[in-house]
Amino acid sequence: MFLFVIIAYLIVIILETRMLWKQKYKKKIMFYLAMIIFSMIISILLSLGVQLPSPSNLIKNIVLSILSKIN
């Protein structure tokens, strides 16, 4: 599964960045690669069976602190 994730991401990276490179969108390529590498790391960790914490508690705390400051 680990190799499948890496191969799938490499195919997507090659296909997407090639189109952006032809159009000379270098800043978009850098942003795209940063996002895709972040998601690739998460996918690899999940394929290896690593338990990742849920971000829902953090999001809930942020929203509640913003709403409490508004009221």
PDB file of N, CA and C in Angstrom:
ATOM      1  N   MET A   1       0.821  -1.191   0.000  1.00  0.00           N
ATOM      2  CA  MET A   1       0.000   0.000   0.000  1.00  0.00           C
ATOM      3  C   MET A   1       0.866   1.255   0.000  1.00  0.00           C
ATOM      4  N   PHE A   2       1.963   1.196   0.732  1.00  0.00           N
ATOM      5  CA  PHE A   2       2.885   2.318   0.836  1.00  0.00           C
ATOM      6  C   PHE A   2       3.417   2.714  -0.544  1.00  0.00           C
ATOM      7  N   LEU A   3       3.836   1.743  -1.327  1.00  0.00           N
ATOM      8  CA  LEU A   3       4.364   2.033  -2.665  1.00  0.00           C
ATOM      9  C   LEU A   3       3.272   2.539  -3.603  1.00  0.00           C
ATOM     10  N   PHE A   4       2.061   2.020  -3.463  1.00  0.00           N
ATOM     11  CA  PHE A   4       0.955   2.483  -4.293  1.00  0.00           C
ATOM     12  C   PHE A   4       0.682   3.971  -4.053  1.00  0.00           C
ATOM     13  N   VAL A   5       0.728   4.391  -2.800  1.00  0.00           N
ATOM     14  CA  VAL A   5       0.499   5.802  -2.461  1.00  0.00           C
ATOM     15  C   VAL A   5       1.573   6.675  -3.101  1.00  0.00           C
ATOM     16  N   ILE A   6       2.819   6.264  -2.992  1.00  0.00           N
ATOM     17  CA  ILE A   6       3.912   7.051  -3.560  1.00  0.00           C
ATOM     18  C   ILE A   6       3.809   7.113  -5.081  1.00  0.00           C
ATOM     19  N   ILE A   7       3.541   6.002  -5.718  1.00  0.00           N
ATOM     20  CA  ILE A   7       3.422   5.978  -7.180  1.00  0.00           C
ATOM     21  C   ILE A   7       2.251   6.844  -7.640  1.00  0.00           C
ATOM     22  N   ALA A   8       1.128   6.749  -6.955  1.00  0.00           N
ATOM     23  CA  ALA A   8      -0.042   7.555  -7.329  1.00  0.00           C
ATOM     24  C   ALA A   8       0.256   9.045  -7.200  1.00  0.00           C
ATOM     25  N   TYR A   9       0.901   9.437  -6.119  1.00  0.00           N
ATOM     26  CA  TYR A   9       1.245  10.848  -5.948  1.00  0.00           C
ATOM     27  C   TYR A   9       2.258  11.313  -6.988  1.00  0.00           C
ATOM     28  N   LEU A  10       3.233  10.488  -7.309  1.00  0.00           N
ATOM     29  CA  LEU A  10       4.212  10.876  -8.322  1.00  0.00           C
ATOM     30  C   LEU A  10       3.566  11.081  -9.687  1.00  0.00           C
ATOM     31  N   ILE A  11       2.622  10.218 -10.026  1.00  0.00           N
ATOM     32  CA  ILE A  11       1.912  10.382 -11.301  1.00  0.00           C
ATOM     33  C   ILE A  11       1.138  11.698 -11.317  1.00  0.00           C
ATOM     34  N   VAL A  12       0.441  11.984 -10.225  1.00  0.00           N
ATOM     35  CA  VAL A  12      -0.328  13.228 -10.145  1.00  0.00           C
ATOM     36  C   VAL A  12       0.592  14.440 -10.200  1.00  0.00           C
ATOM     37  N   ILE A  13       1.699  14.386  -9.478  1.00  0.00           N
ATOM     38  CA  ILE A  13       2.644  15.509  -9.477  1.00  0.00           C
ATOM     39  C   ILE A  13       3.184  15.758 -10.877  1.00  0.00           C
ATOM     40  N   ILE A  14       3.577  14.708 -11.559  1.00  0.00           N
ATOM     41  CA  ILE A  14       4.139  14.871 -12.906  1.00  0.00           C
ATOM     42  C   ILE A  14       3.100  15.448 -13.859  1.00  0.00           C
ATOM     43  N   LEU A  15       1.899  14.918 -13.836  1.00  0.00           N
ATOM     44  CA  LEU A  15       0.865  15.394 -14.755  1.00  0.00           C
ATOM     45  C   LEU A  15       0.470  16.849 -14.483  1.00  0.00           C
ATOM     46  N   GLU A  16       0.296  17.187 -13.233  1.00  0.00           N
ATOM     47  CA  GLU A  16      -0.169  18.536 -12.901  1.00  0.00           C
ATOM     48  C   GLU A  16       0.923  19.590 -13.063  1.00  0.00           C
ATOM     49  N   THR A  17       2.128  19.292 -12.616  1.00  0.00           N
ATOM     50  CA  THR A  17       3.179  20.307 -12.706  1.00  0.00           C
ATOM     51  C   THR A  17       3.641  20.524 -14.140  1.00  0.00           C
ATOM     52  N   ARG A  18       3.505  19.523 -14.970  1.00  0.00           N
ATOM     53  CA  ARG A  18       3.889  19.691 -16.375  1.00  0.00           C
ATOM     54  C   ARG A  18       3.019  20.748 -17.052  1.00  0.00           C
ATOM     55  N   MET A  19       1.727  20.713 -16.757  1.00  0.00           N
ATOM     56  CA  MET A  19       0.826  21.715 -17.338  1.00  0.00           C
ATOM     57  C   MET A  19       1.142  23.113 -16.796  1.00  0.00           C
ATOM     58  N   LEU A  20       1.412  23.200 -15.506  1.00  0.00           N
ATOM     59  CA  LEU A  20       1.737  24.496 -14.915  1.00  0.00           C
ATOM     60  C   LEU A  20       3.075  25.011 -15.410  1.00  0.00           C
ATOM     61  N   TRP A  21       4.033  24.119 -15.631  1.00  0.00           N
ATOM     62  CA  TRP A  21       5.356  24.517 -16.104  1.00  0.00           C
ATOM     63  C   TRP A  21       5.276  25.097 -17.521  1.00  0.00           C
ATOM     64  N   LYS A  22       4.448  24.499 -18.358  1.00  0.00           N
ATOM     65  CA  LYS A  22       4.286  25.002 -19.728  1.00  0.00           C
ATOM     66  C   LYS A  22       3.699  26.408 -19.741  1.00  0.00           C
ATOM     67  N   GLN A  23       2.831  26.688 -18.762  1.00  0.00           N
ATOM     68  CA  GLN A  23       2.218  28.007 -18.678  1.00  0.00           C
ATOM     69  C   GLN A  23       3.046  28.979 -17.848  1.00  0.00           C
ATOM     70  N   LYS A  24       4.184  28.534 -17.344  1.00  0.00           N
ATOM     71  CA  LYS A  24       5.155  29.324 -16.570  1.00  0.00           C
ATOM     72  C   LYS A  24       4.556  29.911 -15.291  1.00  0.00           C
ATOM     73  N   TYR A  25       3.816  29.077 -14.575  1.00  0.00           N
ATOM     74  CA  TYR A  25       3.254  29.460 -13.280  1.00  0.00           C
ATOM     75  C   TYR A  25       4.139  28.908 -12.170  1.00  0.00           C
ATOM     76  N   LYS A  26       5.295  29.499 -11.982  1.00  0.00           N
ATOM     77  CA  LYS A  26       6.258  28.952 -11.025  1.00  0.00           C
ATOM     78  C   LYS A  26       5.800  29.112  -9.578  1.00  0.00           C
ATOM     79  N   LYS A  27       5.127  30.215  -9.251  1.00  0.00           N
ATOM     80  CA  LYS A  27       4.637  30.390  -7.884  1.00  0.00           C
ATOM     81  C   LYS A  27       3.529  29.385  -7.584  1.00  0.00           C
ATOM     82  N   LYS A  28       2.687  29.130  -8.554  1.00  0.00           N
ATOM     83  CA  LYS A  28       1.623  28.143  -8.363  1.00  0.00           C
ATOM     84  C   LYS A  28       2.197  26.742  -8.220  1.00  0.00           C
ATOM     85  N   ILE A  29       3.285  26.467  -8.928  1.00  0.00           N
ATOM     86  CA  ILE A  29       3.938  25.162  -8.805  1.00  0.00           C
ATOM     87  C   ILE A  29       4.475  24.971  -7.390  1.00  0.00           C
ATOM     88  N   MET A  30       5.096  26.005  -6.838  1.00  0.00           N
ATOM     89  CA  MET A  30       5.647  25.894  -5.489  1.00  0.00           C
ATOM     90  C   MET A  30       4.536  25.680  -4.456  1.00  0.00           C
ATOM     91  N   PHE A  31       3.442  26.422  -4.601  1.00  0.00           N
ATOM     92  CA  PHE A  31       2.309  26.249  -3.686  1.00  0.00           C
ATOM     93  C   PHE A  31       1.703  24.856  -3.839  1.00  0.00           C
ATOM     94  N   TYR A  32       1.535  24.429  -5.076  1.00  0.00           N
ATOM     95  CA  TYR A  32       0.966  23.112  -5.352  1.00  0.00           C
ATOM     96  C   TYR A  32       1.835  22.008  -4.757  1.00  0.00           C
ATOM     97  N   LEU A  33       3.141  22.118  -4.940  1.00  0.00           N
ATOM     98  CA  LEU A  33       4.042  21.092  -4.413  1.00  0.00           C
ATOM     99  C   LEU A  33       4.023  21.069  -2.882  1.00  0.00           C
ATOM    100  N   ALA A  34       3.928  22.231  -2.261  1.00  0.00           N
ATOM    101  CA  ALA A  34       3.860  22.271  -0.797  1.00  0.00           C
ATOM    102  C   ALA A  34       2.600  21.570  -0.298  1.00  0.00           C
ATOM    103  N   MET A  35       1.475  21.845  -0.941  1.00  0.00           N
ATOM    104  CA  MET A  35       0.216  21.214  -0.539  1.00  0.00           C
ATOM    105  C   MET A  35       0.225  19.711  -0.816  1.00  0.00           C
ATOM    106  N   ILE A  36       0.730  19.314  -1.963  1.00  0.00           N
ATOM    107  CA  ILE A  36       0.719  17.899  -2.332  1.00  0.00           C
ATOM    108  C   ILE A  36       1.691  17.102  -1.457  1.00  0.00           C
ATOM    109  N   ILE A  37       2.809  17.690  -1.092  1.00  0.00           N
ATOM    110  CA  ILE A  37       3.754  16.992  -0.211  1.00  0.00           C
ATOM    111  C   ILE A  37       3.156  16.820   1.179  1.00  0.00           C
ATOM    112  N   PHE A  38       2.471  17.853   1.663  1.00  0.00           N
ATOM    113  CA  PHE A  38       1.795  17.751   2.964  1.00  0.00           C
ATOM    114  C   PHE A  38       0.768  16.626   2.955  1.00  0.00           C
ATOM    115  N   SER A  39      -0.060  16.585   1.910  1.00  0.00           N
ATOM    116  CA  SER A  39      -1.077  15.533   1.852  1.00  0.00           C
ATOM    117  C   SER A  39      -0.448  14.162   1.609  1.00  0.00           C
ATOM    118  N   MET A  40       0.673  14.120   0.899  1.00  0.00           N
ATOM    119  CA  MET A  40       1.358  12.848   0.659  1.00  0.00           C
ATOM    120  C   MET A  40       1.913  12.279   1.968  1.00  0.00           C
ATOM    121  N   ILE A  41       2.459  13.140   2.802  1.00  0.00           N
ATOM    122  CA  ILE A  41       2.983  12.692   4.092  1.00  0.00           C
ATOM    123  C   ILE A  41       1.855  12.102   4.946  1.00  0.00           C
ATOM    124  N   ILE A  42       0.715  12.789   4.973  1.00  0.00           N
ATOM    125  CA  ILE A  42      -0.421  12.282   5.744  1.00  0.00           C
ATOM    126  C   ILE A  42      -0.893  10.945   5.177  1.00  0.00           C
ATOM    127  N   SER A  43      -0.961  10.828   3.856  1.00  0.00           N
ATOM    128  CA  SER A  43      -1.403   9.574   3.234  1.00  0.00           C
ATOM    129  C   SER A  43      -0.431   8.437   3.509  1.00  0.00           C
ATOM    130  N   ILE A  44       0.851   8.718   3.469  1.00  0.00           N
ATOM    131  CA  ILE A  44       1.853   7.682   3.756  1.00  0.00           C
ATOM    132  C   ILE A  44       1.736   7.220   5.207  1.00  0.00           C
ATOM    133  N   LEU A  45       1.587   8.176   6.129  1.00  0.00           N
ATOM    134  CA  LEU A  45       1.437   7.797   7.534  1.00  0.00           C
ATOM    135  C   LEU A  45       0.193   6.948   7.752  1.00  0.00           C
ATOM    136  N   LEU A  46      -0.902   7.312   7.107  1.00  0.00           N
ATOM    137  CA  LEU A  46      -2.125   6.513   7.246  1.00  0.00           C
ATOM    138  C   LEU A  46      -1.965   5.131   6.636  1.00  0.00           C
ATOM    139  N   SER A  47      -1.247   5.035   5.509  1.00  0.00           N
ATOM    140  CA  SER A  47      -1.053   3.721   4.894  1.00  0.00           C
ATOM    141  C   SER A  47      -0.141   2.832   5.733  1.00  0.00           C
ATOM    142  N   LEU A  48       0.701   3.441   6.549  1.00  0.00           N
ATOM    143  CA  LEU A  48       1.566   2.669   7.445  1.00  0.00           C
ATOM    144  C   LEU A  48       0.876   2.321   8.763  1.00  0.00           C
ATOM    145  N   GLY A  49      -0.356   2.795   8.944  1.00  0.00           N
ATOM    146  CA  GLY A  49      -1.117   2.459  10.136  1.00  0.00           C
ATOM    147  C   GLY A  49      -0.902   3.391  11.310  1.00  0.00           C
ATOM    148  N   VAL A  50      -0.331   4.542  11.086  1.00  0.00           N
ATOM    149  CA  VAL A  50      -0.096   5.500  12.167  1.00  0.00           C
ATOM    150  C   VAL A  50      -1.417   6.184  12.498  1.00  0.00           C
ATOM    151  N   GLN A  51      -1.745   6.243  13.768  1.00  0.00           N
ATOM    152  CA  GLN A  51      -2.963   6.907  14.216  1.00  0.00           C
ATOM    153  C   GLN A  51      -2.696   8.407  14.327  1.00  0.00           C
ATOM    154  N   LEU A  52      -3.389   9.182  13.511  1.00  0.00           N
ATOM    155  CA  LEU A  52      -3.226  10.633  13.527  1.00  0.00           C
ATOM    156  C   LEU A  52      -4.348  11.260  14.351  1.00  0.00           C
ATOM    157  N   PRO A  53      -4.025  12.309  15.121  1.00  0.00           N
ATOM    158  CA  PRO A  53      -5.073  12.937  15.926  1.00  0.00           C
ATOM    159  C   PRO A  53      -6.059  13.697  15.036  1.00  0.00           C
ATOM    160  N   SER A  54      -7.284  13.743  15.482  1.00  0.00           N
ATOM    161  CA  SER A  54      -8.325  14.460  14.751  1.00  0.00           C
ATOM    162  C   SER A  54      -8.184  15.957  15.002  1.00  0.00           C
ATOM    163  N   PRO A  55      -8.300  16.765  13.965  1.00  0.00           N
ATOM    164  CA  PRO A  55      -8.181  18.220  14.159  1.00  0.00           C
ATOM    165  C   PRO A  55      -9.486  18.861  14.632  1.00  0.00           C
ATOM    166  N   SER A  56     -10.528  18.073  14.859  1.00  0.00           N
ATOM    167  CA  SER A  56     -11.831  18.648  15.202  1.00  0.00           C
ATOM    168  C   SER A  56     -11.810  19.396  16.536  1.00  0.00           C
ATOM    169  N   ASN A  57     -11.096  18.892  17.527  1.00  0.00           N
ATOM    170  CA  ASN A  57     -11.032  19.595  18.816  1.00  0.00           C
ATOM    171  C   ASN A  57     -10.331  20.940  18.682  1.00  0.00           C
ATOM    172  N   LEU A  58      -9.273  20.996  17.916  1.00  0.00           N
ATOM    173  CA  LEU A  58      -8.555  22.250  17.705  1.00  0.00           C
ATOM    174  C   LEU A  58      -9.443  23.254  16.986  1.00  0.00           C
ATOM    175  N   ILE A  59     -10.128  22.807  15.952  1.00  0.00           N
ATOM    176  CA  ILE A  59     -11.020  23.696  15.199  1.00  0.00           C
ATOM    177  C   ILE A  59     -12.153  24.192  16.096  1.00  0.00           C
ATOM    178  N   LYS A  60     -12.700  23.305  16.893  1.00  0.00           N
ATOM    179  CA  LYS A  60     -13.783  23.675  17.814  1.00  0.00           C
ATOM    180  C   LYS A  60     -13.307  24.739  18.797  1.00  0.00           C
ATOM    181  N   ASN A  61     -12.113  24.564  19.372  1.00  0.00           N
ATOM    182  CA  ASN A  61     -11.584  25.539  20.322  1.00  0.00           C
ATOM    183  C   ASN A  61     -11.331  26.889  19.669  1.00  0.00           C
ATOM    184  N   ILE A  62     -10.849  26.892  18.443  1.00  0.00           N
ATOM    185  CA  ILE A  62     -10.596  28.148  17.737  1.00  0.00           C
ATOM    186  C   ILE A  62     -11.903  28.883  17.466  1.00  0.00           C
ATOM    187  N   VAL A  63     -12.899  28.164  16.988  1.00  0.00           N
ATOM    188  CA  VAL A  63     -14.196  28.782  16.694  1.00  0.00           C
ATOM    189  C   VAL A  63     -14.838  29.320  17.961  1.00  0.00           C
ATOM    190  N   LEU A  64     -14.794  28.555  19.036  1.00  0.00           N
ATOM    191  CA  LEU A  64     -15.384  29.016  20.288  1.00  0.00           C
ATOM    192  C   LEU A  64     -14.665  30.235  20.837  1.00  0.00           C
ATOM    193  N   SER A  65     -13.353  30.294  20.719  1.00  0.00           N
ATOM    194  CA  SER A  65     -12.637  31.470  21.223  1.00  0.00           C
ATOM    195  C   SER A  65     -12.947  32.700  20.376  1.00  0.00           C
ATOM    196  N   ILE A  66     -13.126  32.534  19.089  1.00  0.00           N
ATOM    197  CA  ILE A  66     -13.492  33.670  18.220  1.00  0.00           C
ATOM    198  C   ILE A  66     -14.902  34.140  18.552  1.00  0.00           C
ATOM    199  N   LEU A  67     -15.823  33.196  18.720  1.00  0.00           N
ATOM    200  CA  LEU A  67     -17.206  33.571  19.036  1.00  0.00           C
ATOM    201  C   LEU A  67     -17.325  34.206  20.409  1.00  0.00           C
ATOM    202  N   SER A  68     -16.524  33.783  21.361  1.00  0.00           N
ATOM    203  CA  SER A  68     -16.595  34.382  22.704  1.00  0.00           C
ATOM    204  C   SER A  68     -16.068  35.817  22.696  1.00  0.00           C
ATOM    205  N   LYS A  69     -15.118  36.123  21.819  1.00  0.00           N
ATOM    206  CA  LYS A  69     -14.595  37.487  21.714  1.00  0.00           C
ATOM    207  C   LYS A  69     -15.581  38.409  21.008  1.00  0.00           C
ATOM    208  N   ILE A  70     -16.396  37.843  20.124  1.00  0.00           N
ATOM    209  CA  ILE A  70     -17.378  38.646  19.401  1.00  0.00           C
ATOM    210  C   ILE A  70     -18.515  39.051  20.334  1.00  0.00           C
ATOM    211  N   ASN A  71     -18.948  38.154  21.189  1.00  0.00           N
ATOM    212  CA  ASN A  71     -20.074  38.442  22.113  1.00  0.00           C
ATOM    213  C   ASN A  71     -19.564  39.262  23.210  1.00  0.00           C
TER     214      ASN A  71
END
